[in-house]
Amino acid sequence: MKLEDRIKVRTKRKSSACGVDLQVGEEYLISGHVKKRSQYETIYDTNSCFWNDKWQRISVATQRALFKREFDHCHL
């Protein structure tokens, strides 16, 4: 999936509600749901049950696998 340099990601505010604490300006690997509402509106939704971490913490081997789309099970 090709994304803009910046996107809005929706999550709950509190960790007790499974929310994810994301900081503006940081780079993350975020997994979750993508919901296309219309031609012009797409919602990116995540919570603490999904794989979310700062990009710098992701191993180089995993980064390579992601760029090669080895984890892309949506297009099998």
PDB file of N, CA and C in Angstrom:
ATOM      1  N   MET A   1       0.845  -1.162   0.000  1.00  0.00           N
ATOM      2  CA  MET A   1       0.000   0.000   0.000  1.00  0.00           C
ATOM      3  C   MET A   1       0.894   1.230   0.000  1.00  0.00           C
ATOM      4  N   LYS A   2       0.672   2.130  -0.916  1.00  0.00           N
ATOM      5  CA  LYS A   2       1.447   3.366  -0.972  1.00  0.00           C
ATOM      6  C   LYS A   2       0.724   4.422  -0.145  1.00  0.00           C
ATOM      7  N   LEU A   3       1.467   5.063   0.747  1.00  0.00           N
ATOM      8  CA  LEU A   3       0.898   6.071   1.634  1.00  0.00           C
ATOM      9  C   LEU A   3       1.612   7.397   1.461  1.00  0.00           C
ATOM     10  N   GLU A   4       0.971   8.434   1.915  1.00  0.00           N
ATOM     11  CA  GLU A   4       1.594   9.747   1.962  1.00  0.00           C
ATOM     12  C   GLU A   4       2.713   9.721   2.998  1.00  0.00           C
ATOM     13  N   ASP A   5       3.529  10.768   3.021  1.00  0.00           N
ATOM     14  CA  ASP A   5       4.577  10.867   4.037  1.00  0.00           C
ATOM     15  C   ASP A   5       3.985  10.915   5.436  1.00  0.00           C
ATOM     16  N   ARG A   6       2.800  11.498   5.549  1.00  0.00           N
ATOM     17  CA  ARG A   6       2.101  11.578   6.834  1.00  0.00           C
ATOM     18  C   ARG A   6       0.658  11.165   6.642  1.00  0.00           C
ATOM     19  N   ILE A   7       0.172  10.396   7.593  1.00  0.00           N
ATOM     20  CA  ILE A   7      -1.237  10.011   7.575  1.00  0.00           C
ATOM     21  C   ILE A   7      -1.794  10.163   8.982  1.00  0.00           C
ATOM     22  N   LYS A   8      -3.099  10.195   9.086  1.00  0.00           N
ATOM     23  CA  LYS A   8      -3.758  10.202  10.393  1.00  0.00           C
ATOM     24  C   LYS A   8      -4.144   8.774  10.729  1.00  0.00           C
ATOM     25  N   VAL A   9      -3.787   8.359  11.936  1.00  0.00           N
ATOM     26  CA  VAL A   9      -4.118   7.022  12.419  1.00  0.00           C
ATOM     27  C   VAL A   9      -5.063   7.180  13.593  1.00  0.00           C
ATOM     28  N   ARG A  10      -6.157   6.422  13.557  1.00  0.00           N
ATOM     29  CA  ARG A  10      -7.157   6.510  14.619  1.00  0.00           C
ATOM     30  C   ARG A  10      -6.912   5.406  15.645  1.00  0.00           C
ATOM     31  N   THR A  11      -6.930   5.788  16.928  1.00  0.00           N
ATOM     32  CA  THR A  11      -6.805   4.844  18.031  1.00  0.00           C
ATOM     33  C   THR A  11      -7.528   5.428  19.242  1.00  0.00           C
ATOM     34  N   LYS A  12      -7.823   4.606  20.207  1.00  0.00           N
ATOM     35  CA  LYS A  12      -8.446   5.109  21.443  1.00  0.00           C
ATOM     36  C   LYS A  12      -7.444   5.972  22.201  1.00  0.00           C
ATOM     37  N   ARG A  13      -7.928   6.898  23.010  1.00  0.00           N
ATOM     38  CA  ARG A  13      -7.052   7.805  23.762  1.00  0.00           C
ATOM     39  C   ARG A  13      -6.329   7.130  24.913  1.00  0.00           C
ATOM     40  N   LYS A  14      -6.993   6.213  25.592  1.00  0.00           N
ATOM     41  CA  LYS A  14      -6.428   5.616  26.805  1.00  0.00           C
ATOM     42  C   LYS A  14      -5.933   4.197  26.542  1.00  0.00           C
ATOM     43  N   SER A  15      -4.805   3.854  27.164  1.00  0.00           N
ATOM     44  CA  SER A  15      -4.285   2.491  27.013  1.00  0.00           C
ATOM     45  C   SER A  15      -5.250   1.471  27.616  1.00  0.00           C
ATOM     46  N   SER A  16      -6.015   1.869  28.627  1.00  0.00           N
ATOM     47  CA  SER A  16      -6.993   0.956  29.230  1.00  0.00           C
ATOM     48  C   SER A  16      -8.106   0.594  28.249  1.00  0.00           C
ATOM     49  N   ALA A  17      -8.256   1.391  27.194  1.00  0.00           N
ATOM     50  CA  ALA A  17      -9.234   1.108  26.142  1.00  0.00           C
ATOM     51  C   ALA A  17      -8.535   0.554  24.897  1.00  0.00           C
ATOM     52  N   CYS A  18      -7.318   0.018  25.095  1.00  0.00           N
ATOM     53  CA  CYS A  18      -6.497  -0.567  24.023  1.00  0.00           C
ATOM     54  C   CYS A  18      -5.926   0.479  23.073  1.00  0.00           C
ATOM     55  N   GLY A  19      -5.848   1.720  23.506  1.00  0.00           N
ATOM     56  CA  GLY A  19      -5.265   2.772  22.684  1.00  0.00           C
ATOM     57  C   GLY A  19      -3.755   2.645  22.591  1.00  0.00           C
ATOM     58  N   VAL A  20      -3.187   3.242  21.556  1.00  0.00           N
ATOM     59  CA  VAL A  20      -1.747   3.222  21.314  1.00  0.00           C
ATOM     60  C   VAL A  20      -1.231   4.643  21.449  1.00  0.00           C
ATOM     61  N   ASP A  21      -0.143   4.827  22.190  1.00  0.00           N
ATOM     62  CA  ASP A  21       0.453   6.148  22.384  1.00  0.00           C
ATOM     63  C   ASP A  21       1.448   6.416  21.259  1.00  0.00           C
ATOM     64  N   LEU A  22       1.067   7.246  20.305  1.00  0.00           N
ATOM     65  CA  LEU A  22       1.916   7.607  19.168  1.00  0.00           C
ATOM     66  C   LEU A  22       2.309   9.073  19.291  1.00  0.00           C
ATOM     67  N   GLN A  23       3.561   9.370  19.027  1.00  0.00           N
ATOM     68  CA  GLN A  23       4.068  10.735  19.130  1.00  0.00           C
ATOM     69  C   GLN A  23       4.204  11.353  17.742  1.00  0.00           C
ATOM     70  N   VAL A  24       3.753  12.576  17.583  1.00  0.00           N
ATOM     71  CA  VAL A  24       3.883  13.302  16.320  1.00  0.00           C
ATOM     72  C   VAL A  24       5.364  13.450  15.998  1.00  0.00           C
ATOM     73  N   GLY A  25       5.723  13.224  14.752  1.00  0.00           N
ATOM     74  CA  GLY A  25       7.101  13.379  14.311  1.00  0.00           C
ATOM     75  C   GLY A  25       7.932  12.110  14.403  1.00  0.00           C
ATOM     76  N   GLU A  26       7.402  11.075  15.039  1.00  0.00           N
ATOM     77  CA  GLU A  26       8.114   9.797  15.139  1.00  0.00           C
ATOM     78  C   GLU A  26       7.695   8.902  13.975  1.00  0.00           C
ATOM     79  N   GLU A  27       8.554   7.962  13.617  1.00  0.00           N
ATOM     80  CA  GLU A  27       8.282   7.026  12.540  1.00  0.00           C
ATOM     81  C   GLU A  27       7.938   5.673  13.160  1.00  0.00           C
ATOM     82  N   TYR A  28       6.829   5.080  12.731  1.00  0.00           N
ATOM     83  CA  TYR A  28       6.333   3.844  13.332  1.00  0.00           C
ATOM     84  C   TYR A  28       6.034   2.785  12.280  1.00  0.00           C
ATOM     85  N   LEU A  29       6.093   1.539  12.716  1.00  0.00           N
ATOM     86  CA  LEU A  29       5.478   0.437  11.997  1.00  0.00           C
ATOM     87  C   LEU A  29       4.133   0.246  12.681  1.00  0.00           C
ATOM     88  N   ILE A  30       3.063   0.403  11.932  1.00  0.00           N
ATOM     89  CA  ILE A  30       1.717   0.315  12.498  1.00  0.00           C
ATOM     90  C   ILE A  30       0.920  -0.712  11.703  1.00  0.00           C
ATOM     91  N   SER A  31       0.261  -1.601  12.411  1.00  0.00           N
ATOM     92  CA  SER A  31      -0.655  -2.528  11.751  1.00  0.00           C
ATOM     93  C   SER A  31      -2.059  -2.271  12.287  1.00  0.00           C
ATOM     94  N   GLY A  32      -3.035  -2.722  11.548  1.00  0.00           N
ATOM     95  CA  GLY A  32      -4.414  -2.489  11.951  1.00  0.00           C
ATOM     96  C   GLY A  32      -5.352  -2.689  10.782  1.00  0.00           C
ATOM     97  N   HIS A  33      -6.410  -1.917  10.758  1.00  0.00           N
ATOM     98  CA  HIS A  33      -7.425  -1.997   9.705  1.00  0.00           C
ATOM     99  C   HIS A  33      -7.394  -0.738   8.846  1.00  0.00           C
ATOM    100  N   VAL A  34      -7.636  -0.924   7.551  1.00  0.00           N
ATOM    101  CA  VAL A  34      -7.783   0.196   6.625  1.00  0.00           C
ATOM    102  C   VAL A  34      -9.221   0.166   6.144  1.00  0.00           C
ATOM    103  N   LYS A  35      -9.918   1.272   6.331  1.00  0.00           N
ATOM    104  CA  LYS A  35     -11.324   1.360   5.937  1.00  0.00           C
ATOM    105  C   LYS A  35     -11.477   2.480   4.917  1.00  0.00           C
ATOM    106  N   LYS A  36     -11.917   2.122   3.732  1.00  0.00           N
ATOM    107  CA  LYS A  36     -12.138   3.104   2.669  1.00  0.00           C
ATOM    108  C   LYS A  36     -13.588   3.551   2.761  1.00  0.00           C
ATOM    109  N   ARG A  37     -13.797   4.791   3.171  1.00  0.00           N
ATOM    110  CA  ARG A  37     -15.169   5.303   3.308  1.00  0.00           C
ATOM    111  C   ARG A  37     -15.696   5.871   2.002  1.00  0.00           C
ATOM    112  N   SER A  38     -14.819   6.461   1.235  1.00  0.00           N
ATOM    113  CA  SER A  38     -15.209   7.034  -0.049  1.00  0.00           C
ATOM    114  C   SER A  38     -13.950   7.164  -0.893  1.00  0.00           C
ATOM    115  N   GLN A  39     -14.110   7.690  -2.073  1.00  0.00           N
ATOM    116  CA  GLN A  39     -12.972   7.914  -2.962  1.00  0.00           C
ATOM    117  C   GLN A  39     -11.950   8.848  -2.312  1.00  0.00           C
ATOM    118  N   TYR A  40     -12.397   9.709  -1.423  1.00  0.00           N
ATOM    119  CA  TYR A  40     -11.536  10.736  -0.838  1.00  0.00           C
ATOM    120  C   TYR A  40     -11.194  10.507   0.632  1.00  0.00           C
ATOM    121  N   GLU A  41     -11.796   9.517   1.267  1.00  0.00           N
ATOM    122  CA  GLU A  41     -11.567   9.328   2.698  1.00  0.00           C
ATOM    123  C   GLU A  41     -11.213   7.881   3.024  1.00  0.00           C
ATOM    124  N   THR A  42     -10.041   7.708   3.615  1.00  0.00           N
ATOM    125  CA  THR A  42      -9.586   6.413   4.096  1.00  0.00           C
ATOM    126  C   THR A  42      -9.251   6.557   5.570  1.00  0.00           C
ATOM    127  N   ILE A  43      -9.684   5.592   6.377  1.00  0.00           N
ATOM    128  CA  ILE A  43      -9.422   5.627   7.815  1.00  0.00           C
ATOM    129  C   ILE A  43      -8.440   4.509   8.156  1.00  0.00           C
ATOM    130  N   TYR A  44      -7.387   4.872   8.866  1.00  0.00           N
ATOM    131  CA  TYR A  44      -6.394   3.918   9.351  1.00  0.00           C
ATOM    132  C   TYR A  44      -6.642   3.759  10.843  1.00  0.00           C
ATOM    133  N   ASP A  45      -6.977   2.554  11.265  1.00  0.00           N
ATOM    134  CA  ASP A  45      -7.414   2.299  12.636  1.00  0.00           C
ATOM    135  C   ASP A  45      -6.510   1.237  13.258  1.00  0.00           C
ATOM    136  N   THR A  46      -6.011   1.481  14.475  1.00  0.00           N
ATOM    137  CA  THR A  46      -5.168   0.513  15.161  1.00  0.00           C
ATOM    138  C   THR A  46      -5.505   0.476  16.639  1.00  0.00           C
ATOM    139  N   ASN A  47      -5.001  -0.544  17.323  1.00  0.00           N
ATOM    140  CA  ASN A  47      -5.116  -0.624  18.778  1.00  0.00           C
ATOM    141  C   ASN A  47      -3.936  -1.430  19.311  1.00  0.00           C
ATOM    142  N   SER A  48      -3.858  -1.590  20.606  1.00  0.00           N
ATOM    143  CA  SER A  48      -2.695  -2.235  21.218  1.00  0.00           C
ATOM    144  C   SER A  48      -2.612  -3.737  20.954  1.00  0.00           C
ATOM    145  N   CYS A  49      -3.640  -4.336  20.374  1.00  0.00           N
ATOM    146  CA  CYS A  49      -3.584  -5.757  20.022  1.00  0.00           C
ATOM    147  C   CYS A  49      -2.827  -5.995  18.720  1.00  0.00           C
ATOM    148  N   PHE A  50      -2.612  -4.944  17.935  1.00  0.00           N
ATOM    149  CA  PHE A  50      -1.887  -5.058  16.674  1.00  0.00           C
ATOM    150  C   PHE A  50      -0.401  -4.804  16.886  1.00  0.00           C
ATOM    151  N   TRP A  51       0.384  -5.057  15.842  1.00  0.00           N
ATOM    152  CA  TRP A  51       1.830  -4.849  15.870  1.00  0.00           C
ATOM    153  C   TRP A  51       2.108  -3.380  15.608  1.00  0.00           C
ATOM    154  N   ASN A  52       2.503  -2.644  16.638  1.00  0.00           N
ATOM    155  CA  ASN A  52       2.819  -1.221  16.542  1.00  0.00           C
ATOM    156  C   ASN A  52       4.103  -0.977  17.319  1.00  0.00           C
ATOM    157  N   ASP A  53       5.103  -0.402  16.654  1.00  0.00           N
ATOM    158  CA  ASP A  53       6.363  -0.115  17.332  1.00  0.00           C
ATOM    159  C   ASP A  53       7.101   0.976  16.569  1.00  0.00           C
ATOM    160  N   LYS A  54       8.010   1.650  17.254  1.00  0.00           N
ATOM    161  CA  LYS A  54       8.840   2.642  16.574  1.00  0.00           C
ATOM    162  C   LYS A  54       9.685   1.928  15.526  1.00  0.00           C
ATOM    163  N   TRP A  55       9.797   2.546  14.355  1.00  0.00           N
ATOM    164  CA  TRP A  55      10.509   1.938  13.231  1.00  0.00           C
ATOM    165  C   TRP A  55      11.952   1.606  13.611  1.00  0.00           C
ATOM    166  N   GLN A  56      12.600   2.439  14.388  1.00  0.00           N
ATOM    167  CA  GLN A  56      14.000   2.211  14.757  1.00  0.00           C
ATOM    168  C   GLN A  56      14.173   0.956  15.616  1.00  0.00           C
ATOM    169  N   ARG A  57      13.112   0.471  16.222  1.00  0.00           N
ATOM    170  CA  ARG A  57      13.176  -0.751  17.039  1.00  0.00           C
ATOM    171  C   ARG A  57      12.961  -2.023  16.224  1.00  0.00           C
ATOM    172  N   ILE A  58      12.526  -1.872  14.978  1.00  0.00           N
ATOM    173  CA  ILE A  58      12.268  -3.027  14.121  1.00  0.00           C
ATOM    174  C   ILE A  58      13.605  -3.521  13.567  1.00  0.00           C
ATOM    175  N   SER A  59      13.867  -4.812  13.669  1.00  0.00           N
ATOM    176  CA  SER A  59      15.152  -5.349  13.203  1.00  0.00           C
ATOM    177  C   SER A  59      15.317  -5.116  11.703  1.00  0.00           C
ATOM    178  N   VAL A  60      16.566  -5.035  11.272  1.00  0.00           N
ATOM    179  CA  VAL A  60      16.867  -4.827   9.853  1.00  0.00           C
ATOM    180  C   VAL A  60      16.298  -5.978   9.026  1.00  0.00           C
ATOM    181  N   ALA A  61      16.389  -7.200   9.522  1.00  0.00           N
ATOM    182  CA  ALA A  61      15.848  -8.356   8.798  1.00  0.00           C
ATOM    183  C   ALA A  61      14.338  -8.222   8.600  1.00  0.00           C
ATOM    184  N   THR A  62      13.632  -7.779   9.621  1.00  0.00           N
ATOM    185  CA  THR A  62      12.184  -7.590   9.512  1.00  0.00           C
ATOM    186  C   THR A  62      11.865  -6.434   8.578  1.00  0.00           C
ATOM    187  N   GLN A  63      12.620  -5.348   8.642  1.00  0.00           N
ATOM    188  CA  GLN A  63      12.417  -4.224   7.721  1.00  0.00           C
ATOM    189  C   GLN A  63      12.561  -4.687   6.275  1.00  0.00           C
ATOM    190  N   ARG A  64      13.603  -5.476   5.995  1.00  0.00           N
ATOM    191  CA  ARG A  64      13.802  -5.993   4.628  1.00  0.00           C
ATOM    192  C   ARG A  64      12.619  -6.861   4.198  1.00  0.00           C
ATOM    193  N   ALA A  65      12.173  -7.737   5.088  1.00  0.00           N
ATOM    194  CA  ALA A  65      11.038  -8.608   4.770  1.00  0.00           C
ATOM    195  C   ALA A  65       9.785  -7.790   4.483  1.00  0.00           C
ATOM    196  N   LEU A  66       9.580  -6.720   5.236  1.00  0.00           N
ATOM    197  CA  LEU A  66       8.425  -5.850   4.996  1.00  0.00           C
ATOM    198  C   LEU A  66       8.526  -5.170   3.638  1.00  0.00           C
ATOM    199  N   PHE A  67       9.709  -4.657   3.295  1.00  0.00           N
ATOM    200  CA  PHE A  67       9.881  -3.997   2.000  1.00  0.00           C
ATOM    201  C   PHE A  67       9.713  -4.972   0.839  1.00  0.00           C
ATOM    202  N   LYS A  68      10.029  -6.241   1.064  1.00  0.00           N
ATOM    203  CA  LYS A  68       9.840  -7.272   0.035  1.00  0.00           C
ATOM    204  C   LYS A  68       8.410  -7.810   0.032  1.00  0.00           C
ATOM    205  N   ARG A  69       7.582  -7.295   0.922  1.00  0.00           N
ATOM    206  CA  ARG A  69       6.174  -7.665   1.044  1.00  0.00           C
ATOM    207  C   ARG A  69       5.986  -9.127   1.453  1.00  0.00           C
ATOM    208  N   GLU A  70       6.941  -9.660   2.216  1.00  0.00           N
ATOM    209  CA  GLU A  70       6.843 -11.037   2.676  1.00  0.00           C
ATOM    210  C   GLU A  70       5.757 -11.219   3.729  1.00  0.00           C
ATOM    211  N   PHE A  71       5.297 -10.141   4.337  1.00  0.00           N
ATOM    212  CA  PHE A  71       4.227 -10.202   5.326  1.00  0.00           C
ATOM    213  C   PHE A  71       2.882  -9.798   4.732  1.00  0.00           C
ATOM    214  N   ASP A  72       2.812  -9.593   3.428  1.00  0.00           N
ATOM    215  CA  ASP A  72       1.595  -9.124   2.771  1.00  0.00           C
ATOM    216  C   ASP A  72       0.698 -10.310   2.434  1.00  0.00           C
ATOM    217  N   HIS A  73      -0.163 -10.682   3.363  1.00  0.00           N
ATOM    218  CA  HIS A  73      -1.053 -11.825   3.149  1.00  0.00           C
ATOM    219  C   HIS A  73      -2.374 -11.420   2.500  1.00  0.00           C
ATOM    220  N   CYS A  74      -2.550 -10.133   2.265  1.00  0.00           N
ATOM    221  CA  CYS A  74      -3.802  -9.664   1.660  1.00  0.00           C
ATOM    222  C   CYS A  74      -3.845  -9.936   0.164  1.00  0.00           C
ATOM    223  N   HIS A  75      -2.705 -10.166  -0.446  1.00  0.00           N
ATOM    224  CA  HIS A  75      -2.653 -10.315  -1.900  1.00  0.00           C
ATOM    225  C   HIS A  75      -2.173 -11.700  -2.318  1.00  0.00           C
ATOM    226  N   LEU A  76      -2.470 -12.725  -1.528  1.00  0.00           N
ATOM    227  CA  LEU A  76      -2.054 -14.092  -1.864  1.00  0.00           C
ATOM    228  C   LEU A  76      -2.908 -14.655  -2.966  1.00  0.00           C
TER     229      LEU A  76
END
